[in-house]
Amino acid sequence: MLQSKAHLYPERDQLISLSAMPLIHPTRLEVMRQLSIEGPLSVQQLAKGHPLTKPAFSQHLDLLRKKDVVNYTVYHPYIIYELDIQRFQEACNYVLMYFREIQAGWALPEKLILNM
């Protein structure tokens, strides 16, 4: 079994990597978008329109829960999800900080540099 070597990298890079994880898949991006626009939604409401099996969709929700980007409440038989705005903003800020640092080192013409 492969062992992760992430712990061998600087703590700052580990934090950025963990923060970016919820943001790097279209399903999770869409779930966060849905929750930010529509507010709290049930799993059934969130899953509607996604081209995934229920188990695959559940794995994405599980990752968002584990990374504390969403909160959930059980109202049997429903689970209601809500975006944790503060944690979402923290994750975005870490990722933006990383890209701004990279961007600062670019030797590209000003018009090609992303306006972040």
N, C-alpha and C. Protein backbone atom coordinates (compact mmCIF):
# COMPACT_ATOMS: atom_id res chain seq x y z
N MET A 1 0.84 -1.18 0.00
CA MET A 1 0.00 0.00 0.00
C MET A 1 0.89 1.24 0.00
N LEU A 2 0.51 2.23 -0.78
CA LEU A 2 1.27 3.46 -0.86
C LEU A 2 1.06 4.31 0.38
N GLN A 3 2.14 4.86 0.87
CA GLN A 3 2.08 5.79 1.99
C GLN A 3 2.19 7.21 1.46
N SER A 4 1.38 8.09 1.95
CA SER A 4 1.45 9.49 1.55
C SER A 4 2.75 10.10 2.05
N LYS A 5 3.36 10.89 1.21
CA LYS A 5 4.59 11.60 1.57
C LYS A 5 4.31 13.08 1.79
N ALA A 6 3.03 13.44 1.85
CA ALA A 6 2.66 14.85 2.00
C ALA A 6 3.27 15.47 3.25
N HIS A 7 3.40 14.67 4.31
CA HIS A 7 3.94 15.20 5.56
C HIS A 7 5.40 15.63 5.44
N LEU A 8 6.07 15.24 4.37
CA LEU A 8 7.47 15.61 4.16
C LEU A 8 7.63 17.00 3.57
N TYR A 9 6.55 17.60 3.16
CA TYR A 9 6.58 18.94 2.57
C TYR A 9 6.35 19.99 3.66
N PRO A 10 6.71 21.24 3.37
CA PRO A 10 6.49 22.29 4.37
C PRO A 10 5.03 22.35 4.81
N GLU A 11 4.84 22.66 6.08
CA GLU A 11 3.49 22.69 6.66
C GLU A 11 2.57 23.64 5.89
N ARG A 12 3.12 24.75 5.45
CA ARG A 12 2.35 25.73 4.70
C ARG A 12 1.80 25.11 3.42
N ASP A 13 2.63 24.35 2.70
CA ASP A 13 2.19 23.70 1.47
C ASP A 13 1.16 22.61 1.74
N GLN A 14 1.32 21.92 2.86
CA GLN A 14 0.33 20.92 3.23
C GLN A 14 -1.03 21.57 3.48
N LEU A 15 -1.01 22.71 4.17
CA LEU A 15 -2.24 23.42 4.47
C LEU A 15 -2.93 23.90 3.19
N ILE A 16 -2.16 24.43 2.26
CA ILE A 16 -2.72 24.88 0.98
C ILE A 16 -3.31 23.70 0.23
N SER A 17 -2.59 22.58 0.22
CA SER A 17 -3.08 21.39 -0.48
C SER A 17 -4.39 20.89 0.12
N LEU A 18 -4.46 20.84 1.43
CA LEU A 18 -5.69 20.39 2.09
C LEU A 18 -6.84 21.37 1.85
N SER A 19 -6.51 22.65 1.80
CA SER A 19 -7.54 23.66 1.54
C SER A 19 -8.06 23.57 0.12
N ALA A 20 -7.19 23.21 -0.81
CA ALA A 20 -7.58 23.15 -2.22
C ALA A 20 -8.41 21.91 -2.55
N MET A 21 -8.25 20.86 -1.77
CA MET A 21 -8.90 19.58 -2.09
C MET A 21 -10.40 19.69 -2.38
N PRO A 22 -11.17 20.41 -1.55
CA PRO A 22 -12.60 20.49 -1.85
C PRO A 22 -12.90 21.27 -3.12
N LEU A 23 -11.94 22.05 -3.59
CA LEU A 23 -12.18 22.95 -4.71
C LEU A 23 -11.78 22.37 -6.06
N ILE A 24 -11.28 21.14 -6.09
CA ILE A 24 -10.67 20.66 -7.33
C ILE A 24 -11.47 19.58 -8.06
N HIS A 25 -12.74 19.54 -7.87
CA HIS A 25 -13.56 18.61 -8.64
C HIS A 25 -14.86 19.31 -9.02
N PRO A 26 -15.30 19.15 -10.27
CA PRO A 26 -16.51 19.83 -10.73
C PRO A 26 -17.75 19.54 -9.88
N THR A 27 -17.88 18.32 -9.40
CA THR A 27 -19.05 17.98 -8.57
C THR A 27 -19.06 18.82 -7.30
N ARG A 28 -17.91 18.88 -6.62
CA ARG A 28 -17.84 19.64 -5.37
C ARG A 28 -18.01 21.14 -5.63
N LEU A 29 -17.44 21.62 -6.72
CA LEU A 29 -17.62 23.03 -7.06
C LEU A 29 -19.10 23.35 -7.27
N GLU A 30 -19.79 22.48 -7.98
CA GLU A 30 -21.21 22.70 -8.24
C GLU A 30 -22.03 22.63 -6.95
N VAL A 31 -21.71 21.69 -6.07
CA VAL A 31 -22.42 21.59 -4.79
C VAL A 31 -22.24 22.87 -3.99
N MET A 32 -21.00 23.37 -3.93
CA MET A 32 -20.75 24.60 -3.18
C MET A 32 -21.47 25.78 -3.83
N ARG A 33 -21.51 25.80 -5.16
CA ARG A 33 -22.24 26.86 -5.86
C ARG A 33 -23.74 26.79 -5.54
N GLN A 34 -24.30 25.57 -5.60
CA GLN A 34 -25.73 25.40 -5.29
C GLN A 34 -26.04 25.89 -3.88
N LEU A 35 -25.22 25.49 -2.92
CA LEU A 35 -25.47 25.88 -1.54
C LEU A 35 -25.29 27.37 -1.32
N SER A 36 -24.34 27.98 -2.03
CA SER A 36 -24.13 29.42 -1.85
C SER A 36 -25.28 30.23 -2.44
N ILE A 37 -25.89 29.73 -3.50
CA ILE A 37 -26.98 30.45 -4.16
C ILE A 37 -28.33 30.13 -3.53
N GLU A 38 -28.58 28.85 -3.30
CA GLU A 38 -29.92 28.42 -2.87
C GLU A 38 -30.06 28.24 -1.36
N GLY A 39 -28.94 28.23 -0.64
CA GLY A 39 -29.01 28.00 0.80
C GLY A 39 -29.09 26.52 1.10
N PRO A 40 -29.48 26.14 2.32
CA PRO A 40 -29.52 24.74 2.72
C PRO A 40 -30.39 23.89 1.78
N LEU A 41 -29.85 22.71 1.44
CA LEU A 41 -30.56 21.78 0.54
C LEU A 41 -30.39 20.36 1.03
N SER A 42 -31.36 19.52 0.69
CA SER A 42 -31.27 18.09 1.01
C SER A 42 -30.34 17.41 0.01
N VAL A 43 -29.91 16.22 0.37
CA VAL A 43 -29.06 15.43 -0.53
C VAL A 43 -29.77 15.23 -1.86
N GLN A 44 -31.06 14.92 -1.80
CA GLN A 44 -31.82 14.68 -3.03
C GLN A 44 -31.85 15.93 -3.91
N GLN A 45 -32.03 17.09 -3.31
CA GLN A 45 -32.03 18.33 -4.08
C GLN A 45 -30.66 18.62 -4.68
N LEU A 46 -29.61 18.37 -3.90
CA LEU A 46 -28.25 18.60 -4.39
C LEU A 46 -27.89 17.65 -5.53
N ALA A 47 -28.29 16.39 -5.39
CA ALA A 47 -27.90 15.37 -6.37
C ALA A 47 -28.63 15.51 -7.70
N LYS A 48 -29.78 16.15 -7.67
CA LYS A 48 -30.58 16.28 -8.89
C LYS A 48 -29.77 16.99 -9.98
N GLY A 49 -29.69 16.35 -11.13
CA GLY A 49 -28.98 16.94 -12.26
C GLY A 49 -27.50 16.59 -12.34
N HIS A 50 -26.96 15.96 -11.31
CA HIS A 50 -25.55 15.55 -11.37
C HIS A 50 -25.45 14.20 -12.09
N PRO A 51 -24.50 14.05 -12.99
CA PRO A 51 -24.36 12.81 -13.76
C PRO A 51 -23.57 11.73 -13.02
N LEU A 52 -23.85 11.54 -11.74
CA LEU A 52 -23.11 10.58 -10.94
C LEU A 52 -24.06 9.58 -10.29
N THR A 53 -23.51 8.43 -9.94
CA THR A 53 -24.29 7.47 -9.15
C THR A 53 -24.44 8.04 -7.74
N LYS A 54 -25.40 7.53 -7.00
CA LYS A 54 -25.59 7.99 -5.62
C LYS A 54 -24.35 7.76 -4.77
N PRO A 55 -23.71 6.57 -4.86
CA PRO A 55 -22.50 6.37 -4.06
C PRO A 55 -21.38 7.35 -4.42
N ALA A 56 -21.20 7.63 -5.70
CA ALA A 56 -20.15 8.57 -6.11
C ALA A 56 -20.46 9.97 -5.60
N PHE A 57 -21.71 10.38 -5.71
CA PHE A 57 -22.11 11.71 -5.23
C PHE A 57 -21.91 11.79 -3.72
N SER A 58 -22.26 10.73 -3.01
CA SER A 58 -22.10 10.69 -1.55
C SER A 58 -20.64 10.83 -1.15
N GLN A 59 -19.73 10.27 -1.94
CA GLN A 59 -18.30 10.39 -1.63
C GLN A 59 -17.87 11.86 -1.69
N HIS A 60 -18.40 12.60 -2.64
CA HIS A 60 -18.05 14.02 -2.74
C HIS A 60 -18.61 14.79 -1.55
N LEU A 61 -19.83 14.49 -1.14
CA LEU A 61 -20.40 15.15 0.04
C LEU A 61 -19.60 14.80 1.29
N ASP A 62 -19.16 13.55 1.37
CA ASP A 62 -18.37 13.10 2.51
C ASP A 62 -17.06 13.88 2.60
N LEU A 63 -16.40 14.08 1.47
CA LEU A 63 -15.15 14.85 1.48
C LEU A 63 -15.40 16.29 1.92
N LEU A 64 -16.48 16.90 1.42
CA LEU A 64 -16.80 18.27 1.83
C LEU A 64 -17.08 18.34 3.33
N ARG A 65 -17.73 17.31 3.87
CA ARG A 65 -17.97 17.26 5.33
C ARG A 65 -16.66 17.13 6.09
N LYS A 66 -15.81 16.21 5.64
CA LYS A 66 -14.53 15.97 6.33
C LYS A 66 -13.64 17.20 6.31
N LYS A 67 -13.74 17.99 5.27
CA LYS A 67 -12.93 19.21 5.16
C LYS A 67 -13.65 20.41 5.78
N ASP A 68 -14.79 20.15 6.41
CA ASP A 68 -15.57 21.17 7.12
C ASP A 68 -16.00 22.34 6.25
N VAL A 69 -16.19 22.09 4.96
CA VAL A 69 -16.64 23.14 4.06
C VAL A 69 -18.17 23.22 4.08
N VAL A 70 -18.81 22.12 4.44
CA VAL A 70 -20.26 22.10 4.59
C VAL A 70 -20.62 21.58 5.98
N ASN A 71 -21.76 22.01 6.44
CA ASN A 71 -22.35 21.48 7.67
C ASN A 71 -23.61 20.73 7.27
N TYR A 72 -23.99 19.78 8.10
CA TYR A 72 -25.22 19.05 7.79
C TYR A 72 -26.02 18.81 9.05
N THR A 73 -27.31 18.68 8.85
CA THR A 73 -28.24 18.38 9.93
C THR A 73 -29.15 17.26 9.45
N VAL A 74 -29.38 16.29 10.33
CA VAL A 74 -30.26 15.18 9.99
C VAL A 74 -31.67 15.49 10.48
N TYR A 75 -32.59 15.51 9.54
CA TYR A 75 -34.02 15.61 9.81
C TYR A 75 -34.62 14.36 9.18
N HIS A 76 -34.60 13.28 9.95
CA HIS A 76 -34.98 11.98 9.41
C HIS A 76 -36.26 12.07 8.58
N PRO A 77 -36.25 11.58 7.38
CA PRO A 77 -35.26 10.79 6.66
C PRO A 77 -34.30 11.62 5.80
N TYR A 78 -34.25 12.92 6.01
CA TYR A 78 -33.45 13.79 5.15
C TYR A 78 -32.18 14.25 5.84
N ILE A 79 -31.16 14.53 5.03
CA ILE A 79 -29.95 15.19 5.50
C ILE A 79 -29.88 16.51 4.75
N ILE A 80 -29.79 17.59 5.50
CA ILE A 80 -29.76 18.93 4.92
C ILE A 80 -28.34 19.48 5.02
N TYR A 81 -27.82 19.94 3.90
CA TYR A 81 -26.46 20.49 3.84
C TYR A 81 -26.51 22.01 3.72
N GLU A 82 -25.49 22.62 4.31
CA GLU A 82 -25.36 24.08 4.25
C GLU A 82 -23.87 24.41 4.11
N LEU A 83 -23.56 25.37 3.28
CA LEU A 83 -22.18 25.80 3.08
C LEU A 83 -21.70 26.54 4.31
N ASP A 84 -20.51 26.15 4.81
CA ASP A 84 -19.88 26.89 5.91
C ASP A 84 -19.08 28.01 5.26
N ILE A 85 -19.67 29.19 5.21
CA ILE A 85 -19.09 30.31 4.48
C ILE A 85 -17.69 30.64 4.99
N GLN A 86 -17.49 30.65 6.29
CA GLN A 86 -16.18 30.99 6.85
C GLN A 86 -15.12 30.00 6.40
N ARG A 87 -15.41 28.71 6.51
CA ARG A 87 -14.42 27.69 6.10
C ARG A 87 -14.19 27.73 4.60
N PHE A 88 -15.24 27.98 3.83
CA PHE A 88 -15.11 28.09 2.38
C PHE A 88 -14.20 29.27 2.03
N GLN A 89 -14.41 30.41 2.68
CA GLN A 89 -13.57 31.58 2.42
C GLN A 89 -12.13 31.33 2.82
N GLU A 90 -11.91 30.64 3.94
CA GLU A 90 -10.55 30.31 4.36
C GLU A 90 -9.86 29.45 3.32
N ALA A 91 -10.55 28.44 2.83
CA ALA A 91 -9.97 27.56 1.80
C ALA A 91 -9.63 28.36 0.55
N CYS A 92 -10.54 29.20 0.12
CA CYS A 92 -10.30 30.03 -1.06
C CYS A 92 -9.12 30.96 -0.85
N ASN A 93 -9.02 31.56 0.34
CA ASN A 93 -7.93 32.48 0.63
C ASN A 93 -6.57 31.80 0.58
N TYR A 94 -6.47 30.58 1.13
CA TYR A 94 -5.20 29.85 1.08
C TYR A 94 -4.79 29.57 -0.36
N VAL A 95 -5.75 29.14 -1.15
CA VAL A 95 -5.46 28.82 -2.55
C VAL A 95 -5.09 30.08 -3.32
N LEU A 96 -5.82 31.17 -3.12
CA LEU A 96 -5.51 32.43 -3.79
C LEU A 96 -4.13 32.95 -3.38
N MET A 97 -3.80 32.81 -2.10
CA MET A 97 -2.49 33.23 -1.62
C MET A 97 -1.38 32.48 -2.38
N TYR A 98 -1.57 31.20 -2.53
CA TYR A 98 -0.60 30.38 -3.25
C TYR A 98 -0.43 30.86 -4.69
N PHE A 99 -1.54 31.07 -5.39
CA PHE A 99 -1.45 31.50 -6.78
C PHE A 99 -0.92 32.92 -6.92
N ARG A 100 -1.20 33.78 -5.97
CA ARG A 100 -0.64 35.13 -6.01
C ARG A 100 0.87 35.11 -5.86
N GLU A 101 1.36 34.22 -4.99
CA GLU A 101 2.81 34.09 -4.81
C GLU A 101 3.47 33.60 -6.10
N ILE A 102 2.84 32.64 -6.75
CA ILE A 102 3.38 32.15 -8.02
C ILE A 102 3.33 33.26 -9.05
N GLN A 103 2.21 33.94 -9.12
CA GLN A 103 2.02 35.01 -10.09
C GLN A 103 3.06 36.10 -9.90
N ALA A 104 3.42 36.40 -8.67
CA ALA A 104 4.39 37.45 -8.40
C ALA A 104 5.76 37.10 -8.98
N GLY A 105 6.03 35.82 -9.15
CA GLY A 105 7.32 35.40 -9.70
C GLY A 105 7.34 35.26 -11.21
N TRP A 106 6.20 35.41 -11.84
CA TRP A 106 6.14 35.27 -13.30
C TRP A 106 6.84 36.42 -13.98
N ALA A 107 7.52 36.11 -15.07
CA ALA A 107 8.17 37.14 -15.88
C ALA A 107 7.42 37.27 -17.20
N LEU A 108 6.11 37.41 -17.11
CA LEU A 108 5.27 37.52 -18.30
C LEU A 108 4.84 38.97 -18.49
N PRO A 109 4.50 39.34 -19.71
CA PRO A 109 3.96 40.68 -19.92
C PRO A 109 2.73 40.90 -19.04
N GLU A 110 2.56 42.10 -18.56
CA GLU A 110 1.48 42.44 -17.64
C GLU A 110 0.11 42.00 -18.14
N LYS A 111 -0.14 42.11 -19.44
CA LYS A 111 -1.46 41.76 -19.96
C LYS A 111 -1.77 40.27 -19.88
N LEU A 112 -0.73 39.43 -19.71
CA LEU A 112 -0.95 37.99 -19.62
C LEU A 112 -1.14 37.51 -18.18
N ILE A 113 -0.81 38.35 -17.23
CA ILE A 113 -0.92 37.95 -15.83
C ILE A 113 -2.39 37.99 -15.42
N LEU A 114 -2.81 36.93 -14.78
CA LEU A 114 -4.20 36.85 -14.33
C LEU A 114 -4.51 37.96 -13.36
N ASN A 115 -5.66 38.52 -13.46
CA ASN A 115 -6.09 39.57 -12.56
C ASN A 115 -6.81 38.92 -11.39
N MET A 116 -6.06 38.57 -10.36
CA MET A 116 -6.63 37.89 -9.19
C MET A 116 -6.82 38.86 -8.07
